[in-house]
Amino acid sequence: MIQARKDAGITQAELGQRIGQRQTFISKVELGERRIDVAEFVELCSALEIDYASLLKNAANR
């Protein structure tokens, strides 16, 4: 998720704003301090304009 955000050229604050959350929410998600549910994951992917299935596939291959 971090790399996808960076690849999109978006800051944590910008991503948070896109989904109606604060920058601290994004930071906690990226640091693993906060888990997200499927709906939040899909919303984040949509805000980053990436296909959630591709992101999951890439994560599974690591």
N, C-alpha and C. Protein backbone atom coordinates (compact mmCIF):
# COMPACT_ATOMS: atom_id res chain seq x y z
N MET A 1 0.83 -1.18 0.00
CA MET A 1 0.00 0.00 0.00
C MET A 1 0.87 1.24 0.00
N ILE A 2 1.95 1.23 0.78
CA ILE A 2 2.84 2.39 0.83
C ILE A 2 3.41 2.67 -0.55
N GLN A 3 3.93 1.60 -1.19
CA GLN A 3 4.54 1.78 -2.50
C GLN A 3 3.51 2.25 -3.53
N ALA A 4 2.31 1.72 -3.44
CA ALA A 4 1.25 2.14 -4.37
C ALA A 4 0.96 3.63 -4.20
N ARG A 5 0.91 4.09 -2.95
CA ARG A 5 0.67 5.51 -2.69
C ARG A 5 1.81 6.36 -3.23
N LYS A 6 3.04 5.91 -2.97
CA LYS A 6 4.20 6.67 -3.46
C LYS A 6 4.27 6.67 -4.99
N ASP A 7 3.96 5.52 -5.58
CA ASP A 7 3.95 5.43 -7.05
C ASP A 7 2.93 6.38 -7.66
N ALA A 8 1.84 6.61 -6.94
CA ALA A 8 0.80 7.52 -7.41
C ALA A 8 1.17 8.98 -7.15
N GLY A 9 2.26 9.20 -6.40
CA GLY A 9 2.69 10.57 -6.11
C GLY A 9 1.77 11.28 -5.14
N ILE A 10 1.20 10.53 -4.21
CA ILE A 10 0.23 11.08 -3.27
C ILE A 10 0.80 11.02 -1.86
N THR A 11 0.62 12.08 -1.11
CA THR A 11 1.06 12.09 0.28
C THR A 11 0.00 11.39 1.15
N GLN A 12 0.40 11.07 2.37
CA GLN A 12 -0.55 10.48 3.30
C GLN A 12 -1.72 11.44 3.53
N ALA A 13 -1.42 12.71 3.66
CA ALA A 13 -2.47 13.70 3.89
C ALA A 13 -3.45 13.75 2.71
N GLU A 14 -2.93 13.71 1.49
CA GLU A 14 -3.79 13.75 0.31
C GLU A 14 -4.67 12.50 0.23
N LEU A 15 -4.08 11.34 0.52
CA LEU A 15 -4.86 10.11 0.48
C LEU A 15 -5.94 10.13 1.55
N GLY A 16 -5.58 10.58 2.73
CA GLY A 16 -6.57 10.69 3.79
C GLY A 16 -7.72 11.59 3.40
N GLN A 17 -7.38 12.70 2.79
CA GLN A 17 -8.40 13.65 2.35
C GLN A 17 -9.33 13.02 1.31
N ARG A 18 -8.78 12.22 0.43
CA ARG A 18 -9.58 11.57 -0.61
C ARG A 18 -10.62 10.62 -0.04
N ILE A 19 -10.30 10.02 1.11
CA ILE A 19 -11.24 9.05 1.69
C ILE A 19 -11.94 9.57 2.93
N GLY A 20 -11.74 10.84 3.23
CA GLY A 20 -12.42 11.44 4.38
C GLY A 20 -11.82 11.07 5.72
N GLN A 21 -10.52 10.83 5.73
CA GLN A 21 -9.81 10.48 6.97
C GLN A 21 -8.64 11.44 7.16
N ARG A 22 -8.08 11.40 8.35
CA ARG A 22 -6.90 12.23 8.64
C ARG A 22 -5.64 11.52 8.19
N GLN A 23 -4.56 12.28 8.09
CA GLN A 23 -3.26 11.72 7.72
C GLN A 23 -2.83 10.67 8.73
N THR A 24 -3.17 10.86 9.99
CA THR A 24 -2.77 9.90 11.02
C THR A 24 -3.40 8.53 10.80
N PHE A 25 -4.60 8.50 10.23
CA PHE A 25 -5.25 7.23 9.90
C PHE A 25 -4.41 6.48 8.88
N ILE A 26 -3.99 7.17 7.83
CA ILE A 26 -3.18 6.55 6.78
C ILE A 26 -1.85 6.07 7.36
N SER A 27 -1.23 6.89 8.19
CA SER A 27 0.04 6.53 8.81
C SER A 27 -0.10 5.25 9.63
N LYS A 28 -1.14 5.17 10.43
CA LYS A 28 -1.35 3.98 11.27
C LYS A 28 -1.60 2.74 10.43
N VAL A 29 -2.33 2.89 9.34
CA VAL A 29 -2.57 1.77 8.44
C VAL A 29 -1.25 1.31 7.84
N GLU A 30 -0.46 2.25 7.36
CA GLU A 30 0.80 1.91 6.71
C GLU A 30 1.81 1.31 7.68
N LEU A 31 1.77 1.72 8.93
CA LEU A 31 2.69 1.19 9.95
C LEU A 31 2.19 -0.13 10.54
N GLY A 32 0.97 -0.53 10.19
CA GLY A 32 0.41 -1.76 10.72
C GLY A 32 -0.16 -1.60 12.12
N GLU A 33 -0.34 -0.36 12.55
CA GLU A 33 -0.90 -0.10 13.86
C GLU A 33 -2.43 -0.15 13.84
N ARG A 34 -3.00 -0.08 12.66
CA ARG A 34 -4.45 -0.15 12.51
C ARG A 34 -4.78 -1.07 11.35
N ARG A 35 -5.63 -2.01 11.62
CA ARG A 35 -6.09 -2.91 10.56
C ARG A 35 -7.28 -2.27 9.86
N ILE A 36 -7.43 -2.62 8.60
CA ILE A 36 -8.57 -2.11 7.84
C ILE A 36 -9.43 -3.29 7.38
N ASP A 37 -10.70 -3.01 7.20
CA ASP A 37 -11.58 -4.06 6.69
C ASP A 37 -11.59 -4.01 5.16
N VAL A 38 -12.30 -4.94 4.58
CA VAL A 38 -12.32 -5.06 3.12
C VAL A 38 -12.86 -3.79 2.46
N ALA A 39 -13.90 -3.23 3.02
CA ALA A 39 -14.50 -2.02 2.44
C ALA A 39 -13.50 -0.87 2.46
N GLU A 40 -12.75 -0.72 3.55
CA GLU A 40 -11.74 0.34 3.63
C GLU A 40 -10.61 0.09 2.64
N PHE A 41 -10.22 -1.18 2.50
CA PHE A 41 -9.18 -1.54 1.54
C PHE A 41 -9.59 -1.17 0.12
N VAL A 42 -10.81 -1.52 -0.24
CA VAL A 42 -11.30 -1.20 -1.59
C VAL A 42 -11.38 0.31 -1.77
N GLU A 43 -11.81 1.03 -0.75
CA GLU A 43 -11.88 2.49 -0.82
C GLU A 43 -10.49 3.11 -1.01
N LEU A 44 -9.51 2.60 -0.28
CA LEU A 44 -8.13 3.09 -0.44
C LEU A 44 -7.61 2.82 -1.84
N CYS A 45 -7.85 1.63 -2.34
CA CYS A 45 -7.42 1.30 -3.70
C CYS A 45 -8.08 2.20 -4.73
N SER A 46 -9.35 2.46 -4.54
CA SER A 46 -10.08 3.34 -5.46
C SER A 46 -9.48 4.75 -5.42
N ALA A 47 -9.16 5.22 -4.22
CA ALA A 47 -8.58 6.56 -4.08
C ALA A 47 -7.20 6.64 -4.73
N LEU A 48 -6.50 5.50 -4.74
CA LEU A 48 -5.17 5.45 -5.38
C LEU A 48 -5.27 5.12 -6.86
N GLU A 49 -6.50 4.85 -7.32
CA GLU A 49 -6.75 4.49 -8.72
C GLU A 49 -5.97 3.25 -9.13
N ILE A 50 -6.01 2.23 -8.25
CA ILE A 50 -5.37 0.95 -8.54
C ILE A 50 -6.38 -0.17 -8.35
N ASP A 51 -6.15 -1.26 -9.04
CA ASP A 51 -7.02 -2.42 -8.96
C ASP A 51 -6.67 -3.20 -7.70
N TYR A 52 -7.64 -3.37 -6.81
CA TYR A 52 -7.37 -4.05 -5.54
C TYR A 52 -6.92 -5.49 -5.75
N ALA A 53 -7.42 -6.15 -6.77
CA ALA A 53 -7.03 -7.54 -7.04
C ALA A 53 -5.55 -7.62 -7.40
N SER A 54 -5.07 -6.67 -8.18
CA SER A 54 -3.66 -6.64 -8.55
C SER A 54 -2.78 -6.41 -7.34
N LEU A 55 -3.21 -5.52 -6.46
CA LEU A 55 -2.44 -5.24 -5.25
C LEU A 55 -2.36 -6.48 -4.36
N LEU A 56 -3.46 -7.19 -4.23
CA LEU A 56 -3.47 -8.42 -3.43
C LEU A 56 -2.58 -9.50 -4.08
N LYS A 57 -2.64 -9.61 -5.39
CA LYS A 57 -1.82 -10.59 -6.09
C LYS A 57 -0.35 -10.30 -5.89
N ASN A 58 0.04 -9.02 -6.01
CA ASN A 58 1.43 -8.64 -5.82
C ASN A 58 1.89 -8.91 -4.39
N ALA A 59 1.03 -8.66 -3.43
CA ALA A 59 1.38 -8.90 -2.02
C ALA A 59 1.54 -10.41 -1.76
N ALA A 60 0.71 -11.20 -2.39
CA ALA A 60 0.78 -12.66 -2.19
C ALA A 60 2.04 -13.26 -2.79
N ASN A 61 2.56 -12.60 -3.82
CA ASN A 61 3.77 -13.11 -4.49
C ASN A 61 5.07 -12.73 -3.80
N ARG A 62 4.97 -11.95 -2.74
CA ARG A 62 6.19 -11.52 -2.04
C ARG A 62 6.63 -12.52 -1.04
